[in-house]
N, C-alpha and C. Protein backbone atom coordinates (compact mmCIF):
# COMPACT_ATOMS: atom_id res chain seq x y z
N PRO A 1 -108.23 -56.58 167.01
CA PRO A 1 -108.69 -56.07 168.29
C PRO A 1 -107.80 -56.57 169.43
N VAL A 2 -107.54 -55.67 170.36
CA VAL A 2 -106.70 -56.00 171.50
C VAL A 2 -107.57 -56.54 172.62
N CYS A 3 -107.16 -57.65 173.20
CA CYS A 3 -107.91 -58.24 174.32
C CYS A 3 -107.39 -57.65 175.63
N LEU A 4 -108.25 -56.96 176.34
CA LEU A 4 -107.84 -56.41 177.64
C LEU A 4 -107.97 -57.49 178.71
N PRO A 5 -106.97 -57.60 179.57
CA PRO A 5 -107.08 -58.58 180.65
C PRO A 5 -108.27 -58.26 181.55
N LEU A 6 -108.87 -59.30 182.06
CA LEU A 6 -110.04 -59.12 182.93
C LEU A 6 -109.72 -58.29 184.16
N GLN A 7 -108.49 -58.41 184.67
CA GLN A 7 -108.10 -57.62 185.84
C GLN A 7 -108.18 -56.13 185.55
N PHE A 8 -107.74 -55.75 184.36
CA PHE A 8 -107.76 -54.34 183.98
C PHE A 8 -109.19 -53.84 183.86
N LEU A 9 -110.05 -54.66 183.29
CA LEU A 9 -111.46 -54.28 183.18
C LEU A 9 -112.09 -54.16 184.57
N GLY A 10 -111.70 -55.05 185.46
CA GLY A 10 -112.19 -54.98 186.84
C GLY A 10 -111.72 -53.70 187.52
N TYR A 11 -110.48 -53.34 187.27
CA TYR A 11 -109.91 -52.11 187.82
C TYR A 11 -110.69 -50.89 187.31
N LEU A 12 -110.95 -50.87 186.00
CA LEU A 12 -111.69 -49.74 185.42
C LEU A 12 -113.10 -49.65 186.01
N GLY A 13 -113.73 -50.78 186.19
CA GLY A 13 -115.08 -50.80 186.76
C GLY A 13 -115.07 -50.30 188.19
N ALA A 14 -114.09 -50.73 188.97
CA ALA A 14 -113.98 -50.29 190.36
C ALA A 14 -113.74 -48.79 190.42
N CYS A 15 -112.84 -48.28 189.59
CA CYS A 15 -112.57 -46.84 189.55
C CYS A 15 -113.83 -46.07 189.18
N ASP A 16 -114.54 -46.57 188.21
CA ASP A 16 -115.77 -45.91 187.76
C ASP A 16 -116.79 -45.83 188.90
N ARG A 17 -116.96 -46.93 189.63
CA ARG A 17 -117.91 -46.94 190.75
C ARG A 17 -117.50 -45.95 191.83
N LEU A 18 -116.21 -45.88 192.12
CA LEU A 18 -115.73 -44.94 193.15
C LEU A 18 -115.86 -43.50 192.69
N LEU A 19 -115.61 -43.24 191.42
CA LEU A 19 -115.77 -41.89 190.88
C LEU A 19 -117.23 -41.44 190.96
N LYS A 20 -118.14 -42.38 190.71
CA LYS A 20 -119.57 -42.06 190.77
C LYS A 20 -120.02 -41.74 192.19
N GLN A 21 -119.23 -42.16 193.18
CA GLN A 21 -119.54 -41.83 194.58
C GLN A 21 -119.04 -40.43 194.94
N GLY A 22 -118.38 -39.77 193.99
CA GLY A 22 -117.98 -38.39 194.19
C GLY A 22 -116.52 -38.17 194.56
N TYR A 23 -115.72 -39.23 194.56
CA TYR A 23 -114.30 -39.08 194.88
C TYR A 23 -113.54 -38.56 193.67
N GLU A 24 -112.44 -37.86 193.92
CA GLU A 24 -111.63 -37.31 192.84
C GLU A 24 -110.83 -38.42 192.16
N GLU A 25 -110.61 -38.25 190.85
CA GLU A 25 -109.93 -39.27 190.07
C GLU A 25 -108.55 -39.61 190.61
N GLY A 26 -107.76 -38.59 190.94
CA GLY A 26 -106.42 -38.83 191.46
C GLY A 26 -106.43 -39.60 192.76
N GLN A 27 -107.38 -39.28 193.63
CA GLN A 27 -107.49 -39.99 194.90
C GLN A 27 -107.92 -41.44 194.69
N VAL A 28 -108.83 -41.66 193.77
CA VAL A 28 -109.30 -43.02 193.47
C VAL A 28 -108.13 -43.87 192.96
N GLU A 29 -107.37 -43.34 192.01
CA GLU A 29 -106.24 -44.10 191.45
C GLU A 29 -105.20 -44.39 192.52
N GLU A 30 -104.90 -43.39 193.36
CA GLU A 30 -103.92 -43.57 194.43
C GLU A 30 -104.39 -44.63 195.43
N ALA A 31 -105.65 -44.56 195.82
CA ALA A 31 -106.19 -45.52 196.78
C ALA A 31 -106.18 -46.94 196.21
N MET A 32 -106.54 -47.07 194.95
CA MET A 32 -106.55 -48.40 194.33
C MET A 32 -105.13 -48.99 194.30
N GLU A 33 -104.14 -48.16 194.01
CA GLU A 33 -102.76 -48.64 194.00
C GLU A 33 -102.29 -49.00 195.41
N MET A 34 -102.63 -48.16 196.38
CA MET A 34 -102.18 -48.39 197.76
C MET A 34 -102.71 -49.70 198.33
N PHE A 35 -103.90 -50.09 197.89
CA PHE A 35 -104.53 -51.30 198.44
C PHE A 35 -104.58 -52.43 197.42
N GLN A 36 -103.54 -52.52 196.59
CA GLN A 36 -103.40 -53.59 195.59
C GLN A 36 -104.70 -53.83 194.82
N TYR A 37 -105.35 -52.74 194.44
CA TYR A 37 -106.54 -52.77 193.59
C TYR A 37 -107.75 -53.43 194.25
N SER A 38 -107.79 -53.39 195.57
CA SER A 38 -108.97 -53.87 196.29
C SER A 38 -109.98 -52.73 196.37
N GLU A 39 -111.08 -52.89 195.66
CA GLU A 39 -112.10 -51.84 195.65
C GLU A 39 -112.66 -51.58 197.04
N LYS A 40 -112.87 -52.65 197.80
CA LYS A 40 -113.44 -52.51 199.14
C LYS A 40 -112.53 -51.68 200.04
N LYS A 41 -111.24 -52.03 200.07
CA LYS A 41 -110.30 -51.30 200.92
C LYS A 41 -110.10 -49.86 200.44
N ALA A 42 -110.06 -49.67 199.14
CA ALA A 42 -109.92 -48.32 198.59
C ALA A 42 -111.14 -47.47 198.96
N ALA A 43 -112.33 -48.06 198.88
CA ALA A 43 -113.56 -47.34 199.23
C ALA A 43 -113.56 -46.95 200.71
N GLU A 44 -113.14 -47.88 201.58
CA GLU A 44 -113.06 -47.58 203.02
C GLU A 44 -112.09 -46.42 203.25
N PHE A 45 -110.95 -46.49 202.60
CA PHE A 45 -109.92 -45.45 202.74
C PHE A 45 -110.46 -44.09 202.28
N LEU A 46 -111.08 -44.05 201.12
CA LEU A 46 -111.59 -42.79 200.58
C LEU A 46 -112.69 -42.21 201.46
N HIS A 47 -113.54 -43.07 201.99
CA HIS A 47 -114.61 -42.62 202.88
C HIS A 47 -114.03 -42.00 204.14
N LEU A 48 -113.07 -42.68 204.75
CA LEU A 48 -112.45 -42.16 205.98
C LEU A 48 -111.62 -40.91 205.70
N LEU A 49 -110.95 -40.88 204.57
CA LEU A 49 -110.17 -39.71 204.18
C LEU A 49 -111.07 -38.47 204.10
N ALA A 50 -112.21 -38.63 203.44
CA ALA A 50 -113.16 -37.51 203.32
C ALA A 50 -113.71 -37.11 204.68
N GLN A 51 -114.04 -38.11 205.49
CA GLN A 51 -114.60 -37.86 206.83
C GLN A 51 -113.61 -37.08 207.71
N PHE A 52 -112.37 -37.54 207.76
CA PHE A 52 -111.36 -36.88 208.59
C PHE A 52 -110.97 -35.52 208.01
N ASN A 53 -111.02 -35.41 206.70
CA ASN A 53 -110.73 -34.13 206.05
C ASN A 53 -111.80 -33.10 206.47
N ASP A 54 -113.05 -33.53 206.50
CA ASP A 54 -114.14 -32.66 206.93
C ASP A 54 -113.98 -32.22 208.39
N MET A 55 -113.30 -33.03 209.19
CA MET A 55 -113.06 -32.70 210.59
C MET A 55 -111.91 -31.69 210.75
N GLY A 56 -111.21 -31.41 209.64
CA GLY A 56 -110.15 -30.41 209.68
C GLY A 56 -108.74 -30.95 209.75
N PHE A 57 -108.57 -32.26 209.67
CA PHE A 57 -107.23 -32.84 209.67
C PHE A 57 -106.58 -32.67 208.31
N GLN A 58 -105.25 -32.65 208.29
CA GLN A 58 -104.49 -32.50 207.05
C GLN A 58 -104.47 -33.81 206.27
N GLN A 59 -104.65 -33.70 204.96
CA GLN A 59 -104.78 -34.90 204.13
C GLN A 59 -103.56 -35.81 204.19
N ASN A 60 -102.35 -35.24 204.19
CA ASN A 60 -101.16 -36.10 204.22
C ASN A 60 -101.07 -36.87 205.54
N GLU A 61 -101.47 -36.24 206.65
CA GLU A 61 -101.48 -36.93 207.95
C GLU A 61 -102.54 -38.03 207.97
N ILE A 62 -103.70 -37.73 207.39
CA ILE A 62 -104.79 -38.71 207.36
C ILE A 62 -104.33 -39.96 206.60
N LYS A 63 -103.74 -39.77 205.43
CA LYS A 63 -103.29 -40.90 204.61
C LYS A 63 -102.31 -41.77 205.39
N GLU A 64 -101.33 -41.11 206.01
CA GLU A 64 -100.31 -41.84 206.77
C GLU A 64 -100.94 -42.66 207.89
N VAL A 65 -101.82 -42.05 208.65
CA VAL A 65 -102.44 -42.71 209.80
C VAL A 65 -103.35 -43.85 209.34
N LEU A 66 -104.12 -43.64 208.29
CA LEU A 66 -105.00 -44.70 207.79
C LEU A 66 -104.21 -45.91 207.32
N LEU A 67 -103.08 -45.67 206.68
CA LEU A 67 -102.25 -46.80 206.25
C LEU A 67 -101.68 -47.54 207.45
N LEU A 68 -101.20 -46.80 208.44
CA LEU A 68 -100.64 -47.42 209.65
C LEU A 68 -101.69 -48.21 210.42
N CYS A 69 -102.90 -47.70 210.44
CA CYS A 69 -103.98 -48.32 211.24
C CYS A 69 -104.84 -49.27 210.42
N GLY A 70 -104.50 -49.49 209.17
CA GLY A 70 -105.27 -50.41 208.35
C GLY A 70 -106.73 -50.01 208.18
N ASN A 71 -106.97 -48.73 208.01
CA ASN A 71 -108.33 -48.20 207.81
C ASN A 71 -109.25 -48.39 209.02
N GLN A 72 -108.68 -48.60 210.18
CA GLN A 72 -109.53 -48.75 211.38
C GLN A 72 -109.85 -47.36 211.91
N ARG A 73 -111.11 -46.98 211.79
CA ARG A 73 -111.55 -45.61 212.06
C ARG A 73 -111.17 -45.12 213.46
N GLU A 74 -111.49 -45.89 214.48
CA GLU A 74 -111.26 -45.43 215.86
C GLU A 74 -109.77 -45.25 216.15
N ARG A 75 -108.97 -46.23 215.74
CA ARG A 75 -107.51 -46.13 215.95
C ARG A 75 -106.94 -44.94 215.20
N ALA A 76 -107.39 -44.77 213.97
CA ALA A 76 -106.88 -43.65 213.15
C ALA A 76 -107.26 -42.30 213.78
N LEU A 77 -108.48 -42.21 214.26
CA LEU A 77 -108.93 -40.96 214.89
C LEU A 77 -108.10 -40.65 216.13
N GLU A 78 -107.83 -41.67 216.94
CA GLU A 78 -106.98 -41.47 218.13
C GLU A 78 -105.62 -40.95 217.73
N GLU A 79 -105.02 -41.55 216.71
CA GLU A 79 -103.69 -41.14 216.24
C GLU A 79 -103.72 -39.69 215.74
N LEU A 80 -104.73 -39.34 214.99
CA LEU A 80 -104.84 -37.97 214.45
C LEU A 80 -105.00 -36.95 215.57
N VAL A 81 -105.78 -37.29 216.57
CA VAL A 81 -106.02 -36.36 217.68
C VAL A 81 -104.75 -36.17 218.48
N MET A 82 -103.93 -37.22 218.60
CA MET A 82 -102.69 -37.14 219.39
C MET A 82 -101.60 -36.35 218.67
N LYS A 83 -101.70 -36.19 217.36
CA LYS A 83 -100.65 -35.47 216.59
C LYS A 83 -100.66 -33.99 216.91
């Protein structure tokens, strides 16, 4: 039997929890990688991404702004509105 590192199991658990919240698999994996596998930061990012997407902003612009603003909602919204 192969022993999986605990970090990998933690990653799988975090991805599973985020998927159960309704996020797409590709977005979950991308968010986890972007935030060095921090479930909390990935969840914040995915939540804001969905929120700004619902407002009609383009996904690639949202991702860029959220990364620049460190997931700070108000700053990111200001940046998106100014674009």
